[in-house]
């Protein structure tokens, strides 16, 4: 059974750091892109960061320079290192994996990140 399992969320003070990790398993096809979306209360889900199979990464402007996405292809794992966190980074963070063969997207269940003093 295909699944994405996230870990690493939690509560952190403004200016602090957190690392998120996501591992995909049971997916029978090659994964092209992996990344993270987030959704804050009352807001639409937004793409935070993505990384392609060749290592090319993209970030939403609001996290550029603060967040770093990385990927271990052999392990179907994607990580998100979040530094200099702000209260507006508070959201549920969802991992995704997009298939190379047809673009189908698998989703994780989400992990809560709360930035508060």
C-alpha atoms as a PDB file:
ATOM      1  CA  UNK A   1       0.000   0.000   0.000  1.00  0.00           C
ATOM      2  CA  UNK A   2       1.411   3.344  -1.041  1.00  0.00           C
ATOM      3  CA  UNK A   3       1.937   5.845   1.737  1.00  0.00           C
ATOM      4  CA  UNK A   4       3.881   8.927   2.688  1.00  0.00           C
ATOM      5  CA  UNK A   5       4.815   9.263   6.331  1.00  0.00           C
ATOM      6  CA  UNK A   6       5.824  12.647   7.716  1.00  0.00           C
ATOM      7  CA  UNK A   7       7.667  13.413  10.912  1.00  0.00           C
ATOM      8  CA  UNK A   8       9.273  16.313  12.700  1.00  0.00           C
ATOM      9  CA  UNK A   9       6.535  18.842  13.309  1.00  0.00           C
ATOM     10  CA  UNK A  10       5.994  20.539  16.632  1.00  0.00           C
ATOM     11  CA  UNK A  11       6.047  23.768  18.588  1.00  0.00           C
ATOM     12  CA  UNK A  12       8.935  26.193  18.277  1.00  0.00           C
ATOM     13  CA  UNK A  13       9.561  29.791  19.287  1.00  0.00           C
ATOM     14  CA  UNK A  14       9.943  32.541  16.681  1.00  0.00           C
ATOM     15  CA  UNK A  15      13.444  32.486  15.292  1.00  0.00           C
ATOM     16  CA  UNK A  16      13.841  28.799  16.012  1.00  0.00           C
ATOM     17  CA  UNK A  17      14.359  25.837  13.702  1.00  0.00           C
ATOM     18  CA  UNK A  18      12.564  22.625  12.861  1.00  0.00           C
ATOM     19  CA  UNK A  19      13.243  19.818  10.444  1.00  0.00           C
ATOM     20  CA  UNK A  20      10.546  17.849   8.640  1.00  0.00           C
ATOM     21  CA  UNK A  21      11.059  14.491   7.001  1.00  0.00           C
ATOM     22  CA  UNK A  22       8.871  12.427   4.700  1.00  0.00           C
ATOM     23  CA  UNK A  23       9.408   8.911   3.405  1.00  0.00           C
ATOM     24  CA  UNK A  24       7.407   7.340   0.603  1.00  0.00           C
ATOM     25  CA  UNK A  25       6.872   3.593   0.542  1.00  0.00           C
ATOM     26  CA  UNK A  26       4.881   1.096  -1.484  1.00  0.00           C
ATOM     27  CA  UNK A  27       4.879   3.278  -4.615  1.00  0.00           C
ATOM     28  CA  UNK A  28       5.494   1.036  -7.632  1.00  0.00           C
ATOM     29  CA  UNK A  29       6.650   3.717 -10.047  1.00  0.00           C
ATOM     30  CA  UNK A  30       9.464   6.226 -10.256  1.00  0.00           C
ATOM     31  CA  UNK A  31       8.889   9.447  -8.360  1.00  0.00           C
ATOM     32  CA  UNK A  32       9.742  12.626 -10.214  1.00  0.00           C
ATOM     33  CA  UNK A  33       9.061  15.445  -7.801  1.00  0.00           C
ATOM     34  CA  UNK A  34       8.670  15.586  -4.042  1.00  0.00           C
ATOM     35  CA  UNK A  35       7.973  18.503  -1.806  1.00  0.00           C
ATOM     36  CA  UNK A  36       5.889  20.215   0.819  1.00  0.00           C
ATOM     37  CA  UNK A  37       2.666  22.170   0.854  1.00  0.00           C
ATOM     38  CA  UNK A  38       1.227  23.899   3.876  1.00  0.00           C
ATOM     39  CA  UNK A  39      -2.197  25.077   4.927  1.00  0.00           C
ATOM     40  CA  UNK A  40      -2.857  27.594   7.661  1.00  0.00           C
ATOM     41  CA  UNK A  41      -6.298  27.998   9.258  1.00  0.00           C
ATOM     42  CA  UNK A  42      -8.617  29.886   6.945  1.00  0.00           C
ATOM     43  CA  UNK A  43      -6.113  29.930   4.107  1.00  0.00           C
ATOM     44  CA  UNK A  44      -5.603  27.980   0.929  1.00  0.00           C
ATOM     45  CA  UNK A  45      -2.992  25.292   0.679  1.00  0.00           C
ATOM     46  CA  UNK A  46       0.233  26.676  -0.790  1.00  0.00           C
ATOM     47  CA  UNK A  47       3.326  25.076  -2.216  1.00  0.00           C
ATOM     48  CA  UNK A  48       6.257  25.726   0.113  1.00  0.00           C
ATOM     49  CA  UNK A  49       9.097  23.913  -1.616  1.00  0.00           C
ATOM     50  CA  UNK A  50       9.641  21.250  -4.235  1.00  0.00           C
ATOM     51  CA  UNK A  51      12.577  19.285  -5.539  1.00  0.00           C
ATOM     52  CA  UNK A  52      12.792  17.387  -8.803  1.00  0.00           C
ATOM     53  CA  UNK A  53      14.577  14.129  -9.457  1.00  0.00           C
ATOM     54  CA  UNK A  54      17.571  16.022 -10.853  1.00  0.00           C
ATOM     55  CA  UNK A  55      17.833  18.037  -7.641  1.00  0.00           C
ATOM     56  CA  UNK A  56      16.424  21.307  -8.921  1.00  0.00           C
ATOM     57  CA  UNK A  57      14.485  22.970  -6.122  1.00  0.00           C
ATOM     58  CA  UNK A  58      11.943  25.766  -5.886  1.00  0.00           C
ATOM     59  CA  UNK A  59      10.609  27.769  -2.965  1.00  0.00           C
ATOM     60  CA  UNK A  60       7.738  30.121  -2.328  1.00  0.00           C
ATOM     61  CA  UNK A  61       9.090  33.652  -1.890  1.00  0.00           C
ATOM     62  CA  UNK A  62       8.126  33.853   1.770  1.00  0.00           C
ATOM     63  CA  UNK A  63      10.503  31.043   2.780  1.00  0.00           C
ATOM     64  CA  UNK A  64      13.361  31.720   0.370  1.00  0.00           C
ATOM     65  CA  UNK A  65      16.628  31.853   2.289  1.00  0.00           C
ATOM     66  CA  UNK A  66      15.107  30.348   5.429  1.00  0.00           C
ATOM     67  CA  UNK A  67      13.993  26.888   4.327  1.00  0.00           C
ATOM     68  CA  UNK A  68      16.068  24.232   2.598  1.00  0.00           C
ATOM     69  CA  UNK A  69      14.645  21.180   0.861  1.00  0.00           C
ATOM     70  CA  UNK A  70      16.710  18.078   0.231  1.00  0.00           C
ATOM     71  CA  UNK A  71      16.061  14.619  -1.083  1.00  0.00           C
ATOM     72  CA  UNK A  72      17.503  11.131  -0.853  1.00  0.00           C
ATOM     73  CA  UNK A  73      16.271   9.490  -4.038  1.00  0.00           C
ATOM     74  CA  UNK A  74      17.364   5.989  -3.132  1.00  0.00           C
ATOM     75  CA  UNK A  75      15.240   6.194  -0.008  1.00  0.00           C
ATOM     76  CA  UNK A  76      12.317   8.145  -1.521  1.00  0.00           C
ATOM     77  CA  UNK A  77      12.798  10.627   1.295  1.00  0.00           C
ATOM     78  CA  UNK A  78      12.417  14.379   1.265  1.00  0.00           C
ATOM     79  CA  UNK A  79      13.449  16.693   4.070  1.00  0.00           C
ATOM     80  CA  UNK A  80      12.651  20.299   4.839  1.00  0.00           C
ATOM     81  CA  UNK A  81      14.948  22.252   7.139  1.00  0.00           C
ATOM     82  CA  UNK A  82      13.177  25.331   8.438  1.00  0.00           C
ATOM     83  CA  UNK A  83      15.216  28.096  10.050  1.00  0.00           C
ATOM     84  CA  UNK A  84      14.349  31.557  11.341  1.00  0.00           C
ATOM     85  CA  UNK A  85      10.754  30.469  11.758  1.00  0.00           C
ATOM     86  CA  UNK A  86       8.030  33.087  11.996  1.00  0.00           C
ATOM     87  CA  UNK A  87       4.517  32.900  13.439  1.00  0.00           C
ATOM     88  CA  UNK A  88       3.157  33.095   9.891  1.00  0.00           C
ATOM     89  CA  UNK A  89       4.866  29.777   9.151  1.00  0.00           C
ATOM     90  CA  UNK A  90       2.338  28.116  11.449  1.00  0.00           C
ATOM     91  CA  UNK A  91       0.392  25.579   9.408  1.00  0.00           C
ATOM     92  CA  UNK A  92      -0.146  21.921   8.724  1.00  0.00           C
ATOM     93  CA  UNK A  93       2.631  20.803   6.406  1.00  0.00           C
ATOM     94  CA  UNK A  94       1.858  18.118   3.825  1.00  0.00           C
ATOM     95  CA  UNK A  95       4.398  16.059   1.970  1.00  0.00           C
ATOM     96  CA  UNK A  96       3.705  15.011  -1.612  1.00  0.00           C
ATOM     97  CA  UNK A  97       5.267  12.765  -4.229  1.00  0.00           C
ATOM     98  CA  UNK A  98       4.496  13.102  -7.927  1.00  0.00           C
ATOM     99  CA  UNK A  99       4.956  10.177 -10.310  1.00  0.00           C
ATOM    100  CA  UNK A 100       7.142  10.517 -13.355  1.00  0.00           C
ATOM    101  CA  UNK A 101       4.965   8.255 -15.491  1.00  0.00           C
ATOM    102  CA  UNK A 102       1.669  10.148 -15.308  1.00  0.00           C
ATOM    103  CA  UNK A 103       1.954  12.986 -12.813  1.00  0.00           C
ATOM    104  CA  UNK A 104      -0.241  11.342 -10.196  1.00  0.00           C
ATOM    105  CA  UNK A 105       0.306  12.825  -6.750  1.00  0.00           C
ATOM    106  CA  UNK A 106       0.429  10.973  -3.461  1.00  0.00           C
ATOM    107  CA  UNK A 107      -0.107  12.901  -0.243  1.00  0.00           C
ATOM    108  CA  UNK A 108       0.956  12.507   3.342  1.00  0.00           C
ATOM    109  CA  UNK A 109      -1.470  13.089   6.203  1.00  0.00           C
ATOM    110  CA  UNK A 110       0.222  16.267   7.359  1.00  0.00           C
ATOM    111  CA  UNK A 111       2.212  17.375  10.366  1.00  0.00           C
ATOM    112  CA  UNK A 112       1.498  20.438  12.494  1.00  0.00           C
ATOM    113  CA  UNK A 113       4.094  23.189  12.778  1.00  0.00           C
ATOM    114  CA  UNK A 114       3.351  25.901  15.328  1.00  0.00           C
ATOM    115  CA  UNK A 115       5.579  28.935  15.748  1.00  0.00           C
ATOM    116  CA  UNK A 116       4.675  30.785  18.912  1.00  0.00           C
ATOM    117  CA  UNK A 117       6.230  32.314  21.998  1.00  0.00           C
END
